[in-house]
Protein backbone atom coordinates (compact mmCIF):
# COMPACT_ATOMS: atom_id res chain seq x y z
CA MET A 1 28.03 17.81 17.24
CA LYS A 2 27.87 15.67 14.19
CA THR A 3 24.89 17.05 12.00
CA GLY A 4 22.23 14.46 11.42
CA LYS A 5 20.97 12.62 7.49
CA LEU A 6 17.96 13.36 5.53
CA TYR A 7 16.77 9.99 4.24
CA LEU A 8 14.56 9.30 1.16
CA ILE A 9 12.25 6.64 1.88
CA PRO A 10 9.88 4.78 -0.66
CA THR A 11 7.15 3.21 0.59
CA ILE A 12 4.51 0.45 -1.19
CA ILE A 13 2.57 1.27 -4.31
CA GLY A 14 -1.15 -0.02 -3.13
CA GLU A 15 -1.61 -3.41 -1.15
CA THR A 16 1.76 -5.26 -2.40
CA ASP A 17 3.53 -7.37 -0.50
CA LEU A 18 6.19 -5.29 2.08
CA ASN A 19 8.79 -8.00 1.18
CA LYS A 20 8.41 -7.79 -2.51
CA VAL A 21 9.49 -4.22 -2.82
CA ILE A 22 11.07 -2.85 0.30
CA PRO A 23 14.35 -4.22 1.12
CA ALA A 24 15.31 -5.32 5.13
CA TYR A 25 18.05 -2.05 4.91
CA ASN A 26 15.19 0.44 4.82
CA ILE A 27 13.42 -1.05 7.65
CA GLU A 28 16.71 -1.20 9.81
CA ILE A 29 16.81 2.74 9.17
CA ILE A 30 13.55 3.56 9.54
CA ASN A 31 13.45 1.93 13.27
CA ASN A 32 16.54 4.46 14.26
CA ILE A 33 14.55 7.57 13.16
CA ASP A 34 11.91 9.58 15.40
CA GLU A 35 10.88 12.32 13.05
CA PHE A 36 8.99 12.00 9.44
CA ILE A 37 8.21 14.37 6.88
CA VAL A 38 4.63 12.90 5.21
CA GLU A 39 2.19 13.73 2.86
CA LYS A 40 -0.51 12.12 5.29
CA GLU A 41 -0.20 11.03 8.76
CA LYS A 42 -2.80 8.47 8.65
CA THR A 43 -1.49 6.89 5.58
CA ALA A 44 2.35 7.09 7.30
CA ARG A 45 1.54 5.32 10.54
CA ARG A 46 -0.32 2.54 8.49
CA PHE A 47 3.13 1.92 6.45
CA LEU A 48 4.81 2.36 9.56
CA LYS A 49 2.43 0.00 11.43
CA LYS A 50 2.91 -2.68 8.59
CA ILE A 51 6.48 -2.72 8.41
CA GLY A 52 6.53 -3.56 12.34
CA ILE A 53 8.40 -0.51 13.22
CA ASN A 54 9.93 -1.31 17.18
CA LYS A 55 8.75 1.51 18.51
CA PRO A 56 5.41 3.33 19.91
CA LEU A 57 3.98 4.84 16.77
CA ASP A 58 2.66 8.04 19.38
CA SER A 59 6.51 8.42 20.09
CA LEU A 60 7.35 9.64 17.05
CA VAL A 61 6.60 12.96 15.15
CA PHE A 62 5.23 13.53 12.15
CA HIS A 63 5.38 16.67 10.04
CA LEU A 64 2.96 17.59 7.21
CA LEU A 65 4.20 18.05 3.79
CA ASN A 66 1.50 18.44 1.18
CA LYS A 67 -0.46 21.01 -1.46
CA ASN A 68 -1.69 22.94 1.48
CA THR A 69 1.74 23.31 3.47
CA LYS A 70 3.25 26.79 3.00
CA PHE A 71 6.94 27.48 2.88
CA ASN A 72 7.61 29.33 5.89
CA GLU A 73 6.00 25.98 7.72
CA ILE A 74 8.62 23.87 6.47
CA THR A 75 11.79 26.05 7.28
CA SER A 76 12.07 24.25 10.56
CA TYR A 77 11.29 20.59 9.58
CA LEU A 78 15.52 20.22 9.61
CA ASP A 79 16.24 21.65 12.49
CA VAL A 80 16.43 18.15 14.21
CA ALA A 81 19.31 17.41 11.49
CA ASP A 82 21.21 20.17 13.32
CA ILE A 83 21.25 18.82 16.68
CA GLY A 84 22.50 15.18 15.14
CA LYS A 85 19.16 13.41 14.88
CA ASN A 86 18.36 11.57 11.54
CA ILE A 87 14.83 12.66 9.82
CA ALA A 88 13.18 11.24 7.01
CA ILE A 89 10.78 12.11 3.98
CA LEU A 90 8.33 9.24 3.86
CA SER A 91 6.73 9.00 0.70
CA GLU A 92 2.57 8.35 0.26
CA ALA A 93 3.46 5.94 -2.42
CA GLY A 94 6.69 4.63 -4.33
CA SER A 95 9.48 7.15 -4.18
CA PRO A 96 9.86 10.39 -2.19
CA CYS A 97 10.50 13.64 -4.51
CA ILE A 98 9.29 11.72 -7.80
CA ALA A 99 5.66 12.77 -8.59
CA ASP A 100 5.33 13.48 -4.73
CA PRO A 101 6.65 16.17 -2.44
CA GLY A 102 10.23 16.41 -1.05
CA SER A 103 11.89 18.48 -3.38
CA GLU A 104 12.25 21.56 -1.39
CA ILE A 105 12.98 20.05 1.90
CA VAL A 106 16.01 18.35 -0.06
CA LYS A 107 16.81 21.36 -1.51
CA MET A 108 17.11 23.18 2.09
CA ALA A 109 18.91 19.99 3.13
CA HIS A 110 21.97 20.46 0.69
CA LYS A 111 21.60 24.28 1.44
CA LYS A 112 22.34 23.41 5.14
CA ASN A 113 25.02 20.91 4.45
CA ILE A 114 23.04 18.01 5.51
CA GLN A 115 23.72 14.49 4.04
CA VAL A 116 20.80 13.22 1.72
CA ILE A 117 20.28 9.65 1.78
CA PRO A 118 18.30 8.34 -1.17
CA LEU A 119 17.09 4.76 -0.49
CA ILE A 120 15.65 1.76 -2.75
CA GLY A 121 12.39 1.14 -3.21
CA PRO A 122 9.54 1.07 -6.02
CA SER A 123 8.97 4.06 -8.43
CA SER A 124 6.02 3.34 -10.68
CA ILE A 125 7.55 6.18 -13.67
CA LEU A 126 10.69 4.20 -13.82
CA LEU A 127 9.25 0.82 -13.26
CA SER A 128 6.73 1.57 -16.35
CA LEU A 129 9.26 2.87 -18.44
CA MET A 130 11.57 -0.61 -17.68
CA ALA A 131 8.73 -2.56 -18.67
CA SER A 132 7.42 -0.47 -22.05
CA GLY A 133 10.37 -1.24 -24.33
CA PHE A 134 10.54 2.24 -25.23
CA ASN A 135 13.56 4.69 -25.15
CA GLY A 136 15.12 4.64 -21.87
CA GLN A 137 18.23 6.52 -22.56
CA ASN A 138 16.06 9.64 -23.31
CA PHE A 139 12.51 10.20 -21.72
CA THR A 140 10.50 12.88 -19.94
CA PHE A 141 8.13 12.73 -17.26
CA HIS A 142 5.14 15.21 -17.69
CA GLY A 143 2.93 14.65 -14.35
CA TYR A 144 -0.41 15.17 -14.77
CA LEU A 145 -1.89 16.60 -17.87
CA PRO A 146 -4.54 19.71 -18.34
CA ILE A 147 -7.90 19.01 -17.28
CA GLU A 148 -9.60 21.39 -19.70
CA LYS A 149 -10.32 19.91 -22.94
CA LYS A 150 -8.61 21.65 -25.40
CA ALA A 151 -5.23 22.30 -23.18
CA ARG A 152 -5.11 18.58 -22.54
CA ILE A 153 -5.64 17.83 -26.72
CA ASN A 154 -2.83 20.43 -27.28
CA LYS A 155 -0.72 18.78 -24.63
CA ILE A 156 -1.11 15.39 -26.03
CA ASN A 157 -0.29 16.61 -29.68
CA GLN A 158 3.05 18.17 -28.26
CA LEU A 159 3.79 15.05 -26.57
CA GLU A 160 3.37 12.75 -29.75
CA LYS A 161 5.58 15.67 -31.42
CA ASN A 162 8.46 15.49 -29.18
CA ALA A 163 8.17 11.35 -29.12
CA TYR A 164 8.73 12.00 -32.97
CA ARG A 165 11.23 14.41 -33.39
CA GLN A 166 13.25 13.54 -29.95
CA ASP A 167 13.07 10.26 -30.13
CA GLN A 168 11.92 10.81 -26.95
CA THR A 169 9.52 8.61 -24.42
CA GLN A 170 6.87 10.87 -23.38
CA ILE A 171 5.81 9.88 -19.62
CA PHE A 172 2.82 11.16 -17.61
CA ILE A 173 0.03 10.36 -15.06
CA GLU A 174 -3.44 10.72 -14.35
CA ALA A 175 -5.74 10.51 -11.09
CA PRO A 176 -7.05 7.04 -11.42
CA TYR A 177 -10.98 8.03 -11.52
CA ARG A 178 -9.96 10.08 -14.68
CA ASN A 179 -7.85 7.68 -16.36
CA LYS A 180 -10.93 6.60 -19.03
CA GLN A 181 -11.11 10.32 -20.22
CA LEU A 182 -7.52 10.57 -20.23
CA LEU A 183 -7.24 7.22 -22.60
CA GLU A 184 -10.02 8.40 -25.00
CA ALA A 185 -8.30 11.67 -25.39
CA ILE A 186 -4.88 9.94 -26.41
CA LEU A 187 -6.61 7.27 -28.77
CA ARG A 188 -8.43 10.26 -30.39
CA VAL A 189 -5.89 12.44 -30.56
CA CYS A 190 -2.55 10.55 -31.79
CA SER A 191 -1.78 8.99 -35.10
CA LYS A 192 -2.62 5.26 -35.50
CA GLU A 193 1.09 3.82 -35.51
CA THR A 194 2.16 5.73 -32.46
CA LEU A 195 3.00 3.48 -29.30
CA LEU A 196 1.23 3.67 -26.17
CA CYS A 197 2.30 1.91 -23.00
CA ILE A 198 -0.42 1.52 -20.10
CA ALA A 199 0.88 0.25 -16.99
CA CYS A 200 -1.51 -0.33 -14.12
CA ASN A 201 -1.37 -1.24 -10.27
CA LEU A 202 2.47 -1.68 -10.39
CA THR A 203 4.27 -4.44 -8.36
CA GLN A 204 0.50 -5.61 -7.39
CA THR A 205 -0.80 -9.04 -7.73
CA ASP A 206 -3.17 -7.43 -10.50
CA GLU A 207 -0.35 -5.79 -12.39
CA TYR A 208 -0.98 -5.02 -15.97
CA ILE A 209 1.68 -3.41 -18.51
CA ALA A 210 1.06 -3.71 -22.16
CA SER A 211 2.69 -1.54 -25.37
CA LYS A 212 0.64 -1.27 -28.58
CA THR A 213 0.04 0.81 -31.51
CA ILE A 214 -3.23 3.55 -31.08
CA SER A 215 -4.81 1.29 -33.58
CA GLU A 216 -4.16 -1.88 -31.82
CA TRP A 217 -5.41 -0.39 -28.52
CA LYS A 218 -8.99 1.02 -29.95
CA ARG A 219 -9.65 -2.64 -30.97
CA GLN A 220 -9.25 -4.01 -27.22
CA ILE A 221 -9.63 -0.43 -24.48
CA PRO A 222 -8.78 -1.80 -20.92
CA ASP A 223 -10.52 -1.14 -17.69
CA ILE A 224 -8.55 0.91 -15.80
CA HIS A 225 -10.74 2.80 -14.18
CA LYS A 226 -9.75 3.99 -10.66
CA LYS A 227 -6.48 2.17 -10.96
CA THR A 228 -2.89 3.53 -10.42
CA THR A 229 -1.85 4.15 -14.26
CA VAL A 230 1.23 5.04 -15.73
CA PHE A 231 0.99 6.81 -19.77
CA LEU A 232 3.68 6.39 -22.07
CA ILE A 233 3.91 7.49 -25.99
CA TYR A 234 6.67 6.51 -27.93
CA LYS A 235 7.17 6.65 -31.87
């Protein structure tokens, strides 16, 4: 029997026009899948309803994969591929496995010789790098920075040094409700000549992307409170 495939399916970032970021081909693939690995079932159902999936939502199977999922719970998620059926990891927002759960499932798929197929879609990390004007040949994504004040300051210092010493773009994110505190820390810690790109609400109607020096940002601090934001530091 032919083994099924594992598809990695991106979703929209916020309330974005579906046609702007999701290719029609993705929807064709989705319409032929009955089982989805998702972070939140409610969000997944909302996305599938929005794209107009051609089967009843109640007929679909959803496997949860989030910070509370234990490893022994996910070992059976790919069983359906063993009997020839396709399955998909559906991102909560943006692209699967990039600042998003899924890498353990993909690792399992490779071990089981299940073909992994990533589909095209939005990634706020890559879109912000593209639009920053910073080094796209050498960059690092750090995820979330420490919350504790001293550890955060030390980390920002380290990232700024990496940008200068390694000619490397430093990319990181924060929970939207803590954006203001992170930005304040960056402006306080970094040198005035250091470049900072702030990319907010990517692909949405109020998208905002700007790259300026720290001294320029200090003169006009943007309102990024509760907005999905990517931060990039460069020399």
